[in-house]
PDB file of N, CA and C in Angstrom:
ATOM      1  N   MET A   1      -4.951  12.456  46.885  1.00  0.00           N
ATOM      2  CA  MET A   1      -4.669  11.288  46.092  1.00  0.00           C
ATOM      3  C   MET A   1      -4.615  11.677  44.617  1.00  0.00           C
ATOM      4  N   GLY A   2      -3.693  11.044  43.919  1.00  0.00           N
ATOM      5  CA  GLY A   2      -3.534  11.338  42.505  1.00  0.00           C
ATOM      6  C   GLY A   2      -4.314  10.384  41.624  1.00  0.00           C
ATOM      7  N   LYS A   3      -4.473  10.780  40.402  1.00  0.00           N
ATOM      8  CA  LYS A   3      -5.156   9.926  39.431  1.00  0.00           C
ATOM      9  C   LYS A   3      -4.201   8.854  38.936  1.00  0.00           C
ATOM     10  N   ARG A   4      -4.765   7.760  38.508  1.00  0.00           N
ATOM     11  CA  ARG A   4      -3.958   6.714  37.898  1.00  0.00           C
ATOM     12  C   ARG A   4      -3.625   7.133  36.467  1.00  0.00           C
ATOM     13  N   LYS A   5      -2.443   6.792  36.052  1.00  0.00           N
ATOM     14  CA  LYS A   5      -2.050   7.098  34.677  1.00  0.00           C
ATOM     15  C   LYS A   5      -2.758   6.136  33.732  1.00  0.00           C
ATOM     16  N   SER A   6      -3.287   6.691  32.687  1.00  0.00           N
ATOM     17  CA  SER A   6      -3.925   5.829  31.687  1.00  0.00           C
ATOM     18  C   SER A   6      -2.831   5.264  30.787  1.00  0.00           C
ATOM     19  N   SER A   7      -3.027   4.042  30.375  1.00  0.00           N
ATOM     20  CA  SER A   7      -2.026   3.429  29.505  1.00  0.00           C
ATOM     21  C   SER A   7      -2.093   4.101  28.131  1.00  0.00           C
ATOM     22  N   ALA A   8      -0.933   4.435  27.603  1.00  0.00           N
ATOM     23  CA  ALA A   8      -0.873   5.099  26.300  1.00  0.00           C
ATOM     24  C   ALA A   8      -1.179   4.098  25.206  1.00  0.00           C
ATOM     25  N   LYS A   9      -2.014   4.508  24.282  1.00  0.00           N
ATOM     26  CA  LYS A   9      -2.341   3.642  23.160  1.00  0.00           C
ATOM     27  C   LYS A   9      -1.170   3.642  22.192  1.00  0.00           C
ATOM     28  N   PRO A  10      -0.857   2.495  21.610  1.00  0.00           N
ATOM     29  CA  PRO A  10       0.250   2.457  20.650  1.00  0.00           C
ATOM     30  C   PRO A  10      -0.103   3.268  19.405  1.00  0.00           C
ATOM     31  N   VAL A  11       0.873   3.977  18.898  1.00  0.00           N
ATOM     32  CA  VAL A  11       0.683   4.806  17.720  1.00  0.00           C
ATOM     33  C   VAL A  11       0.752   3.919  16.491  1.00  0.00           C
ATOM     34  N   THR A  12      -0.275   3.999  15.660  1.00  0.00           N
ATOM     35  CA  THR A  12      -0.282   3.221  14.427  1.00  0.00           C
ATOM     36  C   THR A  12       0.059   4.145  13.271  1.00  0.00           C
ATOM     37  N   LYS A  13       1.017   3.717  12.485  1.00  0.00           N
ATOM     38  CA  LYS A  13       1.406   4.509  11.330  1.00  0.00           C
ATOM     39  C   LYS A  13       0.515   4.149  10.154  1.00  0.00           C
ATOM     40  N   LYS A  14       0.084   5.165   9.423  1.00  0.00           N
ATOM     41  CA  LYS A  14      -0.712   4.918   8.232  1.00  0.00           C
ATOM     42  C   LYS A  14       0.214   4.450   7.126  1.00  0.00           C
ATOM     43  N   ARG A  15      -0.169   3.375   6.507  1.00  0.00           N
ATOM     44  CA  ARG A  15       0.642   2.802   5.453  1.00  0.00           C
ATOM     45  C   ARG A  15       0.263   3.428   4.121  1.00  0.00           C
ATOM     46  N   MET A  16       1.240   3.979   3.442  1.00  0.00           N
ATOM     47  CA  MET A  16       1.000   4.588   2.138  1.00  0.00           C
ATOM     48  C   MET A  16       1.106   3.516   1.062  1.00  0.00           C
ATOM     49  N   ASP A  17       0.108   3.448   0.212  1.00  0.00           N
ATOM     50  CA  ASP A  17       0.159   2.512  -0.902  1.00  0.00           C
ATOM     51  C   ASP A  17       1.099   3.057  -1.972  1.00  0.00           C
ATOM     52  N   LYS A  18       1.752   2.154  -2.667  1.00  0.00           N
ATOM     53  CA  LYS A  18       2.651   2.558  -3.742  1.00  0.00           C
ATOM     54  C   LYS A  18       1.835   3.109  -4.899  1.00  0.00           C
ATOM     55  N   LEU A  19       2.329   4.170  -5.517  1.00  0.00           N
ATOM     56  CA  LEU A  19       1.676   4.738  -6.682  1.00  0.00           C
ATOM     57  C   LEU A  19       2.097   3.973  -7.928  1.00  0.00           C
ATOM     58  N   ASP A  20       1.259   3.995  -8.948  1.00  0.00           N
ATOM     59  CA  ASP A  20       1.559   3.287 -10.185  1.00  0.00           C
ATOM     60  C   ASP A  20       2.734   3.928 -10.920  1.00  0.00           C
ATOM     61  N   THR A  21       3.455   3.120 -11.696  1.00  0.00           N
ATOM     62  CA  THR A  21       4.524   3.635 -12.554  1.00  0.00           C
ATOM     63  C   THR A  21       4.247   3.311 -14.017  1.00  0.00           C
ATOM     64  N   VAL A  22       3.219   2.501 -14.298  1.00  0.00           N
ATOM     65  CA  VAL A  22       2.814   2.209 -15.671  1.00  0.00           C
ATOM     66  C   VAL A  22       1.358   2.636 -15.849  1.00  0.00           C
ATOM     67  N   PHE A  23       1.067   3.196 -17.044  1.00  0.00           N
ATOM     68  CA  PHE A  23      -0.236   3.797 -17.272  1.00  0.00           C
ATOM     69  C   PHE A  23      -0.749   3.467 -18.665  1.00  0.00           C
ATOM     70  N   CYS A  24      -1.969   3.925 -18.955  1.00  0.00           N
ATOM     71  CA  CYS A  24      -2.610   3.749 -20.259  1.00  0.00           C
ATOM     72  C   CYS A  24      -2.137   4.853 -21.212  1.00  0.00           C
ATOM     73  N   CYS A  25      -1.802   4.474 -22.440  1.00  0.00           N
ATOM     74  CA  CYS A  25      -1.317   5.445 -23.429  1.00  0.00           C
ATOM     75  C   CYS A  25      -2.474   6.289 -23.958  1.00  0.00           C
ATOM     76  N   PRO A  26      -2.323   7.618 -24.004  1.00  0.00           N
ATOM     77  CA  PRO A  26      -3.405   8.464 -24.530  1.00  0.00           C
ATOM     78  C   PRO A  26      -3.529   8.401 -26.057  1.00  0.00           C
ATOM     79  N   PHE A  27      -2.528   7.847 -26.745  1.00  0.00           N
ATOM     80  CA  PHE A  27      -2.571   7.806 -28.203  1.00  0.00           C
ATOM     81  C   PHE A  27      -3.067   6.458 -28.722  1.00  0.00           C
ATOM     82  N   CYS A  28      -2.473   5.361 -28.271  1.00  0.00           N
ATOM     83  CA  CYS A  28      -2.899   4.045 -28.765  1.00  0.00           C
ATOM     84  C   CYS A  28      -3.905   3.389 -27.832  1.00  0.00           C
ATOM     85  N   ASN A  29      -4.153   3.978 -26.660  1.00  0.00           N
ATOM     86  CA  ASN A  29      -5.149   3.518 -25.695  1.00  0.00           C
ATOM     87  C   ASN A  29      -4.877   2.100 -25.193  1.00  0.00           C
ATOM     88  N   HIS A  30      -3.629   1.686 -25.206  1.00  0.00           N
ATOM     89  CA  HIS A  30      -3.239   0.363 -24.711  1.00  0.00           C
ATOM     90  C   HIS A  30      -2.927   0.479 -23.223  1.00  0.00           C
ATOM     91  N   GLY A  31      -3.581  -0.342 -22.415  1.00  0.00           N
ATOM     92  CA  GLY A  31      -3.370  -0.283 -20.975  1.00  0.00           C
ATOM     93  C   GLY A  31      -1.984  -0.773 -20.574  1.00  0.00           C
ATOM     94  N   THR A  32      -1.424  -0.207 -19.577  1.00  0.00           N
ATOM     95  CA  THR A  32      -0.113  -0.537 -18.985  1.00  0.00           C
ATOM     96  C   THR A  32       1.024  -0.533 -19.996  1.00  0.00           C
ATOM     97  N   SER A  33       0.987   0.344 -20.975  1.00  0.00           N
ATOM     98  CA  SER A  33       2.066   0.402 -21.961  1.00  0.00           C
ATOM     99  C   SER A  33       2.979   1.607 -21.742  1.00  0.00           C
ATOM    100  N   VAL A  34       2.542   2.586 -20.972  1.00  0.00           N
ATOM    101  CA  VAL A  34       3.357   3.776 -20.722  1.00  0.00           C
ATOM    102  C   VAL A  34       4.146   3.578 -19.441  1.00  0.00           C
ATOM    103  N   GLU A  35       5.459   3.690 -19.563  1.00  0.00           N
ATOM    104  CA  GLU A  35       6.342   3.573 -18.408  1.00  0.00           C
ATOM    105  C   GLU A  35       6.969   4.944 -18.149  1.00  0.00           C
ATOM    106  N   CYS A  36       6.934   5.365 -16.898  1.00  0.00           N
ATOM    107  CA  CYS A  36       7.510   6.652 -16.519  1.00  0.00           C
ATOM    108  C   CYS A  36       8.838   6.422 -15.808  1.00  0.00           C
ATOM    109  N   ARG A  37       9.853   7.163 -16.245  1.00  0.00           N
ATOM    110  CA  ARG A  37      11.176   7.078 -15.624  1.00  0.00           C
ATOM    111  C   ARG A  37      11.615   8.464 -15.206  1.00  0.00           C
ATOM    112  N   ILE A  38      12.309   8.539 -14.077  1.00  0.00           N
ATOM    113  CA  ILE A  38      12.805   9.816 -13.559  1.00  0.00           C
ATOM    114  C   ILE A  38      14.317   9.734 -13.460  1.00  0.00           C
ATOM    115  N   ASP A  39      14.991  10.670 -14.110  1.00  0.00           N
ATOM    116  CA  ASP A  39      16.450  10.767 -14.052  1.00  0.00           C
ATOM    117  C   ASP A  39      16.791  11.950 -13.151  1.00  0.00           C
ATOM    118  N   MET A  40      17.076  11.660 -11.882  1.00  0.00           N
ATOM    119  CA  MET A  40      17.346  12.731 -10.918  1.00  0.00           C
ATOM    120  C   MET A  40      18.695  13.397 -11.168  1.00  0.00           C
ATOM    121  N   LYS A  41      19.600  12.709 -11.835  1.00  0.00           N
ATOM    122  CA  LYS A  41      20.915  13.294 -12.126  1.00  0.00           C
ATOM    123  C   LYS A  41      20.776  14.481 -13.082  1.00  0.00           C
ATOM    124  N   ASN A  42      19.927  14.310 -14.109  1.00  0.00           N
ATOM    125  CA  ASN A  42      19.713  15.365 -15.106  1.00  0.00           C
ATOM    126  C   ASN A  42      18.414  16.128 -14.884  1.00  0.00           C
ATOM    127  N   LEU A  43      17.624  15.750 -13.845  1.00  0.00           N
ATOM    128  CA  LEU A  43      16.341  16.375 -13.519  1.00  0.00           C
ATOM    129  C   LEU A  43      15.367  16.327 -14.696  1.00  0.00           C
ATOM    130  N   ILE A  44      15.277  15.137 -15.318  1.00  0.00           N
ATOM    131  CA  ILE A  44      14.368  14.937 -16.446  1.00  0.00           C
ATOM    132  C   ILE A  44      13.467  13.750 -16.154  1.00  0.00           C
ATOM    133  N   GLY A  45      12.171  13.929 -16.406  1.00  0.00           N
ATOM    134  CA  GLY A  45      11.218  12.843 -16.299  1.00  0.00           C
ATOM    135  C   GLY A  45      10.711  12.498 -17.678  1.00  0.00           C
ATOM    136  N   GLU A  46      10.573  11.207 -17.961  1.00  0.00           N
ATOM    137  CA  GLU A  46      10.172  10.787 -19.295  1.00  0.00           C
ATOM    138  C   GLU A  46       9.090   9.722 -19.195  1.00  0.00           C
ATOM    139  N   ALA A  47       8.069   9.870 -20.030  1.00  0.00           N
ATOM    140  CA  ALA A  47       7.011   8.878 -20.154  1.00  0.00           C
ATOM    141  C   ALA A  47       7.048   8.356 -21.586  1.00  0.00           C
ATOM    142  N   VAL A  48       7.195   7.025 -21.738  1.00  0.00           N
ATOM    143  CA  VAL A  48       7.333   6.417 -23.061  1.00  0.00           C
ATOM    144  C   VAL A  48       6.354   5.264 -23.194  1.00  0.00           C
ATOM    145  N   CYS A  49       5.652   5.227 -24.329  1.00  0.00           N
ATOM    146  CA  CYS A  49       4.741   4.114 -24.627  1.00  0.00           C
ATOM    147  C   CYS A  49       5.539   3.012 -25.317  1.00  0.00           C
ATOM    148  N   GLY A  50       5.417   1.802 -24.811  1.00  0.00           N
ATOM    149  CA  GLY A  50       6.133   0.674 -25.391  1.00  0.00           C
ATOM    150  C   GLY A  50       5.499   0.151 -26.665  1.00  0.00           C
ATOM    151  N   ILE A  51       4.261   0.518 -26.945  1.00  0.00           N
ATOM    152  CA  ILE A  51       3.551   0.021 -28.126  1.00  0.00           C
ATOM    153  C   ILE A  51       3.716   0.973 -29.317  1.00  0.00           C
ATOM    154  N   CYS A  52       3.312   2.239 -29.141  1.00  0.00           N
ATOM    155  CA  CYS A  52       3.349   3.186 -30.264  1.00  0.00           C
ATOM    156  C   CYS A  52       4.566   4.104 -30.238  1.00  0.00           C
ATOM    157  N   GLN A  53       5.430   3.956 -29.252  1.00  0.00           N
ATOM    158  CA  GLN A  53       6.692   4.706 -29.129  1.00  0.00           C
ATOM    159  C   GLN A  53       6.510   6.208 -28.961  1.00  0.00           C
ATOM    160  N   GLU A  54       5.317   6.665 -28.569  1.00  0.00           N
ATOM    161  CA  GLU A  54       5.122   8.079 -28.241  1.00  0.00           C
ATOM    162  C   GLU A  54       5.847   8.366 -26.929  1.00  0.00           C
ATOM    163  N   SER A  55       6.358   9.586 -26.793  1.00  0.00           N
ATOM    164  CA  SER A  55       7.085   9.917 -25.565  1.00  0.00           C
ATOM    165  C   SER A  55       6.817  11.361 -25.163  1.00  0.00           C
ATOM    166  N   PHE A  56       7.078  11.638 -23.899  1.00  0.00           N
ATOM    167  CA  PHE A  56       6.912  12.972 -23.341  1.00  0.00           C
ATOM    168  C   PHE A  56       8.003  13.172 -22.300  1.00  0.00           C
ATOM    169  N   SER A  57       8.672  14.320 -22.339  1.00  0.00           N
ATOM    170  CA  SER A  57       9.718  14.640 -21.372  1.00  0.00           C
ATOM    171  C   SER A  57       9.391  15.955 -20.686  1.00  0.00           C
ATOM    172  N   THR A  58       9.775  16.045 -19.425  1.00  0.00           N
ATOM    173  CA  THR A  58       9.535  17.255 -18.659  1.00  0.00           C
ATOM    174  C   THR A  58      10.604  17.376 -17.582  1.00  0.00           C
ATOM    175  N   SER A  59      10.728  18.569 -17.036  1.00  0.00           N
ATOM    176  CA  SER A  59      11.672  18.762 -15.934  1.00  0.00           C
ATOM    177  C   SER A  59      11.015  18.304 -14.633  1.00  0.00           C
ATOM    178  N   VAL A  60      11.843  17.815 -13.706  1.00  0.00           N
ATOM    179  CA  VAL A  60      11.335  17.266 -12.453  1.00  0.00           C
ATOM    180  C   VAL A  60      12.044  17.914 -11.272  1.00  0.00           C
ATOM    181  N   THR A  61      11.449  17.728 -10.094  1.00  0.00           N
ATOM    182  CA  THR A  61      12.060  18.158  -8.841  1.00  0.00           C
ATOM    183  C   THR A  61      12.230  16.927  -7.962  1.00  0.00           C
ATOM    184  N   ALA A  62      12.720  17.122  -6.762  1.00  0.00           N
ATOM    185  CA  ALA A  62      12.931  16.011  -5.844  1.00  0.00           C
ATOM    186  C   ALA A  62      11.612  15.390  -5.396  1.00  0.00           C
ATOM    187  N   LEU A  63      10.511  16.117  -5.495  1.00  0.00           N
ATOM    188  CA  LEU A  63       9.216  15.635  -5.041  1.00  0.00           C
ATOM    189  C   LEU A  63       8.376  14.997  -6.140  1.00  0.00           C
ATOM    190  N   THR A  64       8.864  15.008  -7.366  1.00  0.00           N
ATOM    191  CA  THR A  64       8.096  14.507  -8.501  1.00  0.00           C
ATOM    192  C   THR A  64       7.989  12.988  -8.458  1.00  0.00           C
ATOM    193  N   GLU A  65       6.785  12.490  -8.741  1.00  0.00           N
ATOM    194  CA  GLU A  65       6.500  11.058  -8.815  1.00  0.00           C
ATOM    195  C   GLU A  65       6.118  10.723 -10.260  1.00  0.00           C
ATOM    196  N   PRO A  66       6.148   9.436 -10.637  1.00  0.00           N
ATOM    197  CA  PRO A  66       5.762   9.066 -12.007  1.00  0.00           C
ATOM    198  C   PRO A  66       4.348   9.507 -12.390  1.00  0.00           C
ATOM    199  N   ILE A  67       3.423   9.499 -11.445  1.00  0.00           N
ATOM    200  CA  ILE A  67       2.058   9.931 -11.749  1.00  0.00           C
ATOM    201  C   ILE A  67       2.024  11.409 -12.127  1.00  0.00           C
ATOM    202  N   ASP A  68       2.944  12.211 -11.592  1.00  0.00           N
ATOM    203  CA  ASP A  68       3.009  13.630 -11.934  1.00  0.00           C
ATOM    204  C   ASP A  68       3.424  13.817 -13.392  1.00  0.00           C
ATOM    205  N   ILE A  69       4.364  13.020 -13.847  1.00  0.00           N
ATOM    206  CA  ILE A  69       4.825  13.108 -15.238  1.00  0.00           C
ATOM    207  C   ILE A  69       3.694  12.711 -16.186  1.00  0.00           C
ATOM    208  N   TYR A  70       3.010  11.621 -15.868  1.00  0.00           N
ATOM    209  CA  TYR A  70       1.886  11.170 -16.700  1.00  0.00           C
ATOM    210  C   TYR A  70       0.773  12.217 -16.717  1.00  0.00           C
ATOM    211  N   SER A  71       0.484  12.813 -15.579  1.00  0.00           N
ATOM    212  CA  SER A  71      -0.565  13.834 -15.508  1.00  0.00           C
ATOM    213  C   SER A  71      -0.209  15.053 -16.343  1.00  0.00           C
ATOM    214  N   GLU A  72       1.063  15.454 -16.317  1.00  0.00           N
ATOM    215  CA  GLU A  72       1.489  16.578 -17.145  1.00  0.00           C
ATOM    216  C   GLU A  72       1.339  16.248 -18.625  1.00  0.00           C
ATOM    217  N   TRP A  73       1.619  15.006 -19.000  1.00  0.00           N
ATOM    218  CA  TRP A  73       1.475  14.576 -20.388  1.00  0.00           C
ATOM    219  C   TRP A  73       0.014  14.658 -20.819  1.00  0.00           C
ATOM    220  N   ILE A  74      -0.878  14.170 -19.988  1.00  0.00           N
ATOM    221  CA  ILE A  74      -2.307  14.217 -20.294  1.00  0.00           C
ATOM    222  C   ILE A  74      -2.770  15.672 -20.393  1.00  0.00           C
ATOM    223  N   ASP A  75      -2.335  16.526 -19.465  1.00  0.00           N
ATOM    224  CA  ASP A  75      -2.705  17.939 -19.497  1.00  0.00           C
ATOM    225  C   ASP A  75      -2.201  18.613 -20.769  1.00  0.00           C
ATOM    226  N   GLU A  76      -0.984  18.282 -21.183  1.00  0.00           N
ATOM    227  CA  GLU A  76      -0.416  18.865 -22.394  1.00  0.00           C
ATOM    228  C   GLU A  76      -1.198  18.405 -23.627  1.00  0.00           C
ATOM    229  N   CYS A  77      -1.596  17.141 -23.661  1.00  0.00           N
ATOM    230  CA  CYS A  77      -2.408  16.633 -24.784  1.00  0.00           C
ATOM    231  C   CYS A  77      -3.742  17.372 -24.855  1.00  0.00           C
ATOM    232  N   GLU A  78      -4.382  17.572 -23.714  1.00  0.00           N
ATOM    233  CA  GLU A  78      -5.657  18.291 -23.691  1.00  0.00           C
ATOM    234  C   GLU A  78      -5.486  19.739 -24.109  1.00  0.00           C
ATOM    235  N   ARG A  79      -4.378  20.371 -23.684  1.00  0.00           N
ATOM    236  CA  ARG A  79      -4.129  21.765 -24.042  1.00  0.00           C
ATOM    237  C   ARG A  79      -3.934  21.901 -25.551  1.00  0.00           C
ATOM    238  N   VAL A  80      -3.168  20.987 -26.149  1.00  0.00           N
ATOM    239  CA  VAL A  80      -2.946  21.042 -27.600  1.00  0.00           C
ATOM    240  C   VAL A  80      -4.239  20.803 -28.350  1.00  0.00           C
ATOM    241  N   ASN A  81      -5.056  19.875 -27.867  1.00  0.00           N
ATOM    242  CA  ASN A  81      -6.327  19.591 -28.541  1.00  0.00           C
ATOM    243  C   ASN A  81      -7.287  20.760 -28.461  1.00  0.00           C
ATOM    244  N   THR A  82      -7.324  21.491 -27.352  1.00  0.00           N
ATOM    245  CA  THR A  82      -8.222  22.642 -27.248  1.00  0.00           C
ATOM    246  C   THR A  82      -7.730  23.799 -28.101  1.00  0.00           C
ATOM    247  N   VAL A  83      -6.418  23.954 -28.249  1.00  0.00           N
ATOM    248  CA  VAL A  83      -5.892  25.008 -29.120  1.00  0.00           C
ATOM    249  C   VAL A  83      -6.252  24.713 -30.558  1.00  0.00           C
ATOM    250  N   GLU A  84      -6.143  23.441 -30.985  1.00  0.00           N
ATOM    251  CA  GLU A  84      -6.502  23.074 -32.342  1.00  0.00           C
ATOM    252  C   GLU A  84      -7.997  23.266 -32.588  1.00  0.00           C
ATOM    253  N   ASP A  85      -8.832  22.977 -31.602  1.00  0.00           N
ATOM    254  CA  ASP A  85     -10.275  23.171 -31.753  1.00  0.00           C
ATOM    255  C   ASP A  85     -10.630  24.645 -31.861  1.00  0.00           C
ATOM    256  N   ASP A  86      -9.926  25.499 -31.124  1.00  0.00           N
ATOM    257  CA  ASP A  86     -10.184  26.936 -31.177  1.00  0.00           C
ATOM    258  C   ASP A  86      -9.767  27.525 -32.519  1.00  0.00           C
ATOM    259  N   ALA A  87      -8.742  26.960 -33.162  1.00  0.00           N
ATOM    260  CA  ALA A  87      -8.251  27.474 -34.435  1.00  0.00           C
ATOM    261  C   ALA A  87      -9.235  27.168 -35.569  1.00  0.00           C
ATOM    262  N   GLU A  88     -10.020  26.132 -35.419  1.00  0.00           N
ATOM    263  CA  GLU A  88     -10.942  25.748 -36.492  1.00  0.00           C
ATOM    264  C   GLU A  88     -12.205  26.505 -36.484  1.00  0.00           C
TER     265      GLU A  88
END
């Protein structure tokens, strides 16, 4: 005699939450003022503050998200600040 087949459990897909596209400006510290845009035609990502008009541009790939552009901007700000501190 054979075993009974167990009923297969339905596969549940994990739902990915949307990542943010607006962030806090590192210069004027205004929340939700930085908007990140990705131009896939020219492979350029840009983060611009709507309040103080500071901006940052970087090259992007097909996998780049707005949070990646903002993170690179923050990393670049920290790198410049540490270089200035070392010079003093």
